[in-house]
Amino acid sequence: MNEGRIERRTAMGFVAQIEKMSEPSITETVWIDNMSNQGARVLARQSRPTDDLLILSSPKSGFHPVVAKVVYCQRFPNGAVAIGLEFDGSRRVPVSDTSQKTDHV
């Protein structure tokens, strides 16, 4: 049985933020490596547990925050982590006060 991607991902290359839905006061700046309508691969400093629910957002014009589930983490020898995200279209991004967020290193 072939379990490959149905939808092709497009290389992106821009800065974004991820935050854990259950702890929105702590964010991490990430790099969006590639993306499709179904999900994205982001490069981060910290790994995340599989099935963690995150909010992916970016100041990039036209980018709307999305809820995403962590489907994999891949650590590289240089310490960076690739995080595979699957967008969860059934969940809406909660409205919050972004002024209290801190970038977690």
Protein backbone atom coordinates (compact mmCIF):
# COMPACT_ATOMS: atom_id res chain seq x y z
CA MET A 1 0.00 0.00 0.00
CA ASN A 2 1.47 3.37 -1.03
CA GLU A 3 1.26 6.00 1.71
CA GLY A 4 3.05 8.84 -0.13
CA ARG A 5 1.79 12.41 -0.26
CA ILE A 6 -1.20 13.04 -2.46
CA GLU A 7 -0.55 16.79 -2.68
CA ARG A 8 2.82 18.19 -3.72
CA ARG A 9 4.51 20.58 -1.27
CA THR A 10 5.99 23.87 -2.43
CA ALA A 11 9.32 25.21 -1.18
CA MET A 12 8.66 28.33 0.88
CA GLY A 13 11.52 29.83 2.87
CA PHE A 14 10.09 32.37 5.30
CA VAL A 15 9.99 33.00 9.04
CA ALA A 16 7.01 31.94 11.14
CA GLN A 17 6.12 31.18 14.75
CA ILE A 18 4.77 28.09 16.44
CA GLU A 19 3.04 28.02 19.78
CA LYS A 20 1.56 25.14 21.73
CA MET A 21 -2.21 25.51 21.92
CA SER A 22 -2.20 24.61 25.61
CA GLU A 23 0.62 27.12 26.37
CA PRO A 24 0.19 30.07 23.98
CA SER A 25 2.41 32.43 26.03
CA ILE A 26 5.59 30.68 24.79
CA THR A 27 6.45 30.73 21.09
CA GLU A 28 9.35 29.61 18.95
CA THR A 29 10.52 31.29 15.79
CA VAL A 30 10.79 28.73 12.97
CA TRP A 31 11.59 28.61 9.26
CA ILE A 32 8.90 27.24 6.93
CA ASP A 33 10.79 24.90 4.62
CA ASN A 34 7.86 23.74 2.50
CA MET A 35 4.07 23.77 2.62
CA SER A 36 0.89 22.53 0.97
CA ASN A 37 -2.80 22.92 1.76
CA GLN A 38 -2.49 19.81 3.95
CA GLY A 39 0.60 20.62 6.02
CA ALA A 40 4.10 22.01 6.33
CA ARG A 41 7.65 21.16 7.27
CA VAL A 42 9.25 23.72 9.59
CA LEU A 43 12.81 23.97 10.87
CA ALA A 44 13.09 24.64 14.59
CA ARG A 45 15.51 24.44 17.52
CA GLN A 46 13.34 22.26 19.75
CA SER A 47 11.56 19.00 19.03
CA ARG A 48 7.86 18.62 19.77
CA PRO A 49 5.95 15.50 20.82
CA THR A 50 3.98 13.71 18.11
CA ASP A 51 0.29 14.72 18.18
CA ASP A 52 1.07 18.06 19.89
CA LEU A 53 -1.35 20.73 18.68
CA LEU A 54 0.38 23.94 17.59
CA ILE A 55 -0.61 27.25 16.07
CA LEU A 56 1.50 28.20 13.06
CA SER A 57 1.50 31.92 12.29
CA SER A 58 3.60 34.39 10.33
CA PRO A 59 3.79 38.13 9.72
CA LYS A 60 4.07 37.33 5.99
CA SER A 61 1.35 39.12 4.02
CA GLY A 62 -1.59 36.83 3.25
CA PHE A 63 -0.59 34.14 5.77
CA HIS A 64 -3.40 33.22 8.15
CA PRO A 65 -2.70 31.34 11.41
CA VAL A 66 -3.54 27.64 11.29
CA VAL A 67 -3.85 24.86 13.85
CA ALA A 68 -1.53 21.97 13.08
CA LYS A 69 -0.71 18.58 14.58
CA VAL A 70 2.89 17.39 14.89
CA VAL A 71 3.29 14.21 12.82
CA TYR A 72 7.07 13.80 13.05
CA CYS A 73 10.30 15.34 14.31
CA GLN A 74 13.65 14.72 12.66
CA ARG A 75 16.83 15.90 14.42
CA PHE A 76 19.82 16.86 12.28
CA PRO A 77 23.49 16.54 13.29
CA ASN A 78 23.73 20.35 13.64
CA GLY A 79 20.98 20.29 16.31
CA ALA A 80 18.20 21.71 14.15
CA VAL A 81 14.87 19.87 14.08
CA ALA A 82 12.53 19.39 11.13
CA ILE A 83 8.92 19.21 12.34
CA GLY A 84 6.25 17.78 10.09
CA LEU A 85 2.89 19.45 10.61
CA GLU A 86 -0.55 18.37 9.43
CA PHE A 87 -3.07 21.20 9.29
CA ASP A 88 -6.26 20.64 11.28
CA GLY A 89 -9.00 22.40 9.34
CA SER A 90 -11.64 21.41 11.89
CA ARG A 91 -10.09 23.63 14.59
CA ARG A 92 -10.12 27.41 14.66
CA VAL A 93 -7.24 29.49 15.95
CA PRO A 94 -8.25 31.05 19.28
CA VAL A 95 -8.09 34.82 19.54
CA SER A 96 -5.42 35.80 22.07
CA ASP A 97 -3.32 38.72 23.23
CA THR A 98 -0.05 38.36 21.29
CA SER A 99 1.66 41.13 23.28
CA GLN A 100 2.44 38.75 26.17
CA LYS A 101 4.24 36.09 24.09
CA THR A 102 7.93 35.38 24.49
CA ASP A 103 10.25 33.60 22.09
CA HIS A 104 11.39 30.37 23.75
CA VAL A 105 14.97 29.38 22.98
